[in-house]
Amino acid sequence: MVTQGLIARFESKAGKDDEVEEFLKSELPLARGEPGTTAWFAVRFGRSEYGIIEFFPDEASREAHMNGPVEAAFRERGGTLFTGPAKSQSVTVLADKIPLIATYEYSTKGLLLTFKAKSGHVQDVEQFLRNAQPIVEDEPYTTSWLALRFDNGEYGIFDTFGGTAGRFSHLTGRVPRELAKHALTLLGGFPDMTLLDVL
């Protein structure tokens, strides 16, 4: 079970996309060597925009990661690869589907939804997200799924898939249909959706 996470976004310097992608891929063995880092994803949000999305069982593990080898490598190389410091958000994990480590090798596509709870419906939104977890467990092509509460009070869902077909299968499945059905009553609007590539 994971309880804490971080989402960091950063922009590559002009002409550095290939170097950034190689650097991010090279960080995976370091992340795997951190006993308290349960899940770690290097992602591409769009042209020249990248990120790290990572999850931990507790706050102590997140703090250990912030002082560990992955962060040290970012401090060492970041100035040559990125336009500035990462924009980071802490998240609390409300529910998750975390696979065995070997399954991560098959995650190539991702999805990040963000949304706000409508006034007076915070508990309803959190319960909805918790209730979605067993539904997603039955989705064979959803390799990971995490329901999130951001430190700014917003909510989100981060999930990964083996490919475009798996992502499409999820997007046409029960959880997104239920989100759309309740968007106006629980959320006050439709979620912002970002399609991303898992590096």
Protein backbone atom coordinates (compact mmCIF):
# COMPACT_ATOMS: atom_id res chain seq x y z
CA MET A 1 0.00 0.00 0.00
CA VAL A 2 1.29 3.45 -0.90
CA THR A 3 0.14 6.58 0.90
CA GLN A 4 2.34 9.40 -0.41
CA GLY A 5 3.52 10.63 -3.80
CA LEU A 6 5.25 13.36 -5.75
CA ILE A 7 4.55 14.70 -9.22
CA ALA A 8 7.35 16.82 -10.68
CA ARG A 9 7.17 18.55 -14.07
CA PHE A 10 10.06 20.20 -15.89
CA GLU A 11 10.92 21.58 -19.30
CA SER A 12 13.95 20.55 -21.32
CA LYS A 13 16.29 23.12 -22.77
CA ALA A 14 16.09 23.66 -26.52
CA GLY A 15 17.54 20.73 -28.43
CA LYS A 16 17.99 18.62 -25.28
CA ASP A 17 14.96 16.32 -25.53
CA ASP A 18 16.96 13.25 -26.51
CA GLU A 19 19.48 13.83 -23.72
CA VAL A 20 16.68 14.35 -21.19
CA GLU A 21 15.00 11.09 -22.20
CA GLU A 22 18.25 9.16 -21.93
CA PHE A 23 18.95 10.74 -18.55
CA LEU A 24 15.49 9.85 -17.24
CA LYS A 25 15.82 6.25 -18.44
CA SER A 26 19.21 6.00 -16.74
CA GLU A 27 17.61 6.95 -13.41
CA LEU A 28 15.39 3.85 -13.27
CA PRO A 29 18.01 1.53 -11.71
CA LEU A 30 18.69 4.14 -9.01
CA ALA A 31 14.97 4.40 -8.24
CA ARG A 32 14.66 0.61 -8.10
CA GLY A 33 17.51 0.56 -5.59
CA GLU A 34 15.59 2.74 -3.15
CA PRO A 35 13.75 0.36 -0.79
CA GLY A 36 11.08 2.94 0.07
CA THR A 37 10.24 3.96 -3.50
CA THR A 38 7.34 1.68 -4.42
CA ALA A 39 6.62 3.03 -7.91
CA TRP A 40 8.58 5.46 -10.10
CA PHE A 41 7.61 6.69 -13.57
CA ALA A 42 9.52 8.95 -15.94
CA VAL A 43 7.00 10.48 -18.36
CA ARG A 44 6.75 12.82 -21.32
CA PHE A 45 3.75 15.16 -21.06
CA GLY A 46 4.37 16.77 -24.43
CA ARG A 47 7.07 18.33 -26.56
CA SER A 48 9.92 19.36 -24.25
CA GLU A 49 7.81 18.79 -21.10
CA TYR A 50 8.75 15.86 -18.90
CA GLY A 51 8.06 14.63 -15.43
CA ILE A 52 8.63 12.14 -12.66
CA ILE A 53 5.64 10.58 -10.89
CA GLU A 54 6.58 8.50 -7.85
CA PHE A 55 4.94 6.85 -4.88
CA PHE A 56 5.96 5.77 -1.37
CA PRO A 57 4.46 3.80 1.54
CA ASP A 58 4.93 6.67 4.01
CA GLU A 59 6.33 10.15 4.56
CA ALA A 60 9.66 8.81 5.84
CA SER A 61 10.22 6.96 2.56
CA ARG A 62 9.40 10.09 0.56
CA GLU A 63 11.89 12.09 2.64
CA ALA A 64 14.54 9.39 2.17
CA HIS A 65 13.98 9.58 -1.60
CA MET A 66 14.39 13.37 -1.57
CA ASN A 67 17.83 12.85 -0.03
CA GLY A 68 18.73 9.82 -2.16
CA PRO A 69 20.70 9.09 -5.35
CA VAL A 70 17.93 9.93 -7.84
CA GLU A 71 17.54 13.45 -6.48
CA ALA A 72 21.33 13.84 -6.27
CA ALA A 73 21.60 13.01 -9.99
CA PHE A 74 18.92 15.61 -10.78
CA ARG A 75 20.79 18.24 -8.79
CA GLU A 76 24.00 17.38 -10.61
CA ARG A 77 22.64 17.30 -14.19
CA GLY A 78 19.51 19.45 -13.96
CA GLY A 79 21.21 22.74 -14.81
CA THR A 80 22.47 21.43 -18.14
CA LEU A 81 19.22 19.73 -19.20
CA PHE A 82 16.28 21.75 -17.87
CA THR A 83 15.16 25.37 -18.21
CA GLY A 84 14.67 25.69 -14.45
CA PRO A 85 13.75 23.81 -11.29
CA ALA A 86 10.96 21.26 -11.39
CA LYS A 87 7.44 22.26 -10.42
CA SER A 88 6.56 19.68 -7.77
CA GLN A 89 3.32 18.74 -6.06
CA SER A 90 2.90 16.41 -3.13
CA VAL A 91 -0.03 14.01 -3.26
CA THR A 92 -1.80 11.71 -0.83
CA VAL A 93 -2.83 8.36 -2.32
CA LEU A 94 -6.46 7.49 -1.58
CA ALA A 95 -6.56 4.15 -3.43
CA ASP A 96 -4.21 2.26 -5.72
CA LYS A 97 -3.59 -0.62 -8.06
CA ILE A 98 0.15 -1.25 -7.93
CA PRO A 99 1.46 -4.24 -9.90
CA LEU A 100 4.51 -6.38 -9.37
CA ILE A 101 7.69 -4.59 -10.44
CA ALA A 102 8.04 -6.74 -13.60
CA THR A 103 4.72 -5.43 -14.91
CA TYR A 104 6.12 -1.91 -15.18
CA GLU A 105 8.18 -2.99 -18.17
CA TYR A 106 4.94 -3.07 -20.15
CA SER A 107 3.75 0.44 -19.27
CA THR A 108 4.22 2.71 -22.29
CA LYS A 109 1.21 5.03 -22.10
CA GLY A 110 -0.29 7.00 -19.25
CA LEU A 111 -3.11 9.27 -18.27
CA LEU A 112 -3.36 12.03 -15.67
CA LEU A 113 -6.78 13.42 -14.73
CA THR A 114 -7.13 16.39 -12.40
CA PHE A 115 -10.32 17.86 -10.97
CA LYS A 116 -11.81 19.73 -8.04
CA ALA A 117 -14.53 18.52 -5.72
CA LYS A 118 -17.65 20.63 -5.81
CA SER A 119 -18.27 22.55 -2.58
CA GLY A 120 -19.76 20.22 0.01
CA HIS A 121 -18.82 17.06 -1.91
CA VAL A 122 -15.24 16.39 -0.79
CA GLN A 123 -16.15 13.21 1.10
CA ASP A 124 -18.32 12.01 -1.81
CA VAL A 125 -15.45 12.45 -4.28
CA GLU A 126 -13.00 10.63 -2.03
CA GLN A 127 -15.45 7.76 -1.54
CA PHE A 128 -16.07 7.60 -5.29
CA LEU A 129 -12.33 7.26 -5.89
CA ARG A 130 -11.97 4.54 -3.25
CA ASN A 131 -14.94 2.66 -4.71
CA ALA A 132 -13.32 2.77 -8.18
CA GLN A 133 -10.30 0.74 -7.05
CA PRO A 134 -11.89 -2.75 -7.25
CA ILE A 135 -13.35 -1.89 -10.67
CA VAL A 136 -9.90 -0.99 -12.00
CA GLU A 137 -8.42 -4.16 -10.48
CA ASP A 138 -10.50 -6.07 -13.04
CA GLU A 139 -9.10 -4.10 -16.00
CA PRO A 140 -6.37 -6.36 -17.45
CA TYR A 141 -4.74 -3.63 -19.56
CA THR A 142 -4.51 -1.04 -16.78
CA THR A 143 -1.08 -1.81 -15.35
CA SER A 144 -1.27 0.76 -12.53
CA TRP A 145 -3.91 3.15 -11.18
CA LEU A 146 -3.72 5.63 -8.32
CA ALA A 147 -6.40 7.96 -6.94
CA LEU A 148 -4.82 11.13 -5.60
CA ARG A 149 -5.48 14.14 -3.40
CA PHE A 150 -3.10 17.00 -4.23
CA ASP A 151 -1.67 19.25 -1.54
CA ASN A 152 -3.65 22.17 -3.05
CA GLY A 153 -6.96 20.37 -2.37
CA GLU A 154 -7.56 19.14 -5.93
CA TYR A 155 -7.96 15.48 -6.87
CA GLY A 156 -6.63 13.30 -9.63
CA ILE A 157 -6.14 9.88 -11.13
CA PHE A 158 -2.84 8.67 -12.56
CA ASP A 159 -2.81 5.41 -14.48
CA THR A 160 -0.58 3.54 -16.91
CA PHE A 161 -1.20 1.05 -19.70
CA GLY A 162 0.66 -1.38 -21.92
CA GLY A 163 -0.16 0.69 -25.00
CA THR A 164 -2.67 2.92 -26.74
CA ALA A 165 -5.26 0.14 -26.99
CA GLY A 166 -5.15 -0.44 -23.22
CA ARG A 167 -5.58 3.27 -22.55
CA PHE A 168 -8.53 3.43 -24.94
CA SER A 169 -10.09 0.38 -23.27
CA HIS A 170 -9.86 2.13 -19.90
CA LEU A 171 -11.22 5.43 -21.23
CA THR A 172 -14.29 3.65 -22.56
CA GLY A 173 -14.71 1.63 -19.35
CA ARG A 174 -16.82 1.94 -16.25
CA VAL A 175 -14.77 4.38 -14.12
CA PRO A 176 -14.61 7.16 -16.75
CA ARG A 177 -18.31 6.65 -17.51
CA GLU A 178 -19.14 7.06 -13.82
CA LEU A 179 -16.91 10.14 -13.58
CA ALA A 180 -18.69 11.70 -16.57
CA LYS A 181 -22.08 10.83 -15.08
CA HIS A 182 -21.27 12.55 -11.78
CA ALA A 183 -19.10 15.36 -13.17
CA LEU A 184 -21.65 18.12 -12.67
CA THR A 185 -22.93 16.98 -9.27
CA LEU A 186 -19.66 15.96 -7.56
CA LEU A 187 -17.00 17.86 -9.49
CA GLY A 188 -18.78 20.89 -10.90
CA GLY A 189 -17.22 20.21 -14.30
CA PHE A 190 -15.33 17.69 -16.37
CA PRO A 191 -11.77 16.68 -15.38
CA ASP A 192 -8.69 18.01 -17.16
CA MET A 193 -7.09 15.11 -18.99
CA THR A 194 -3.43 14.78 -20.01
CA LEU A 195 -2.29 11.89 -22.21
CA LEU A 196 1.36 11.03 -21.62
CA ASP A 197 4.08 8.61 -22.64
CA VAL A 198 5.85 6.47 -20.06
CA LEU A 199 9.59 6.45 -20.75
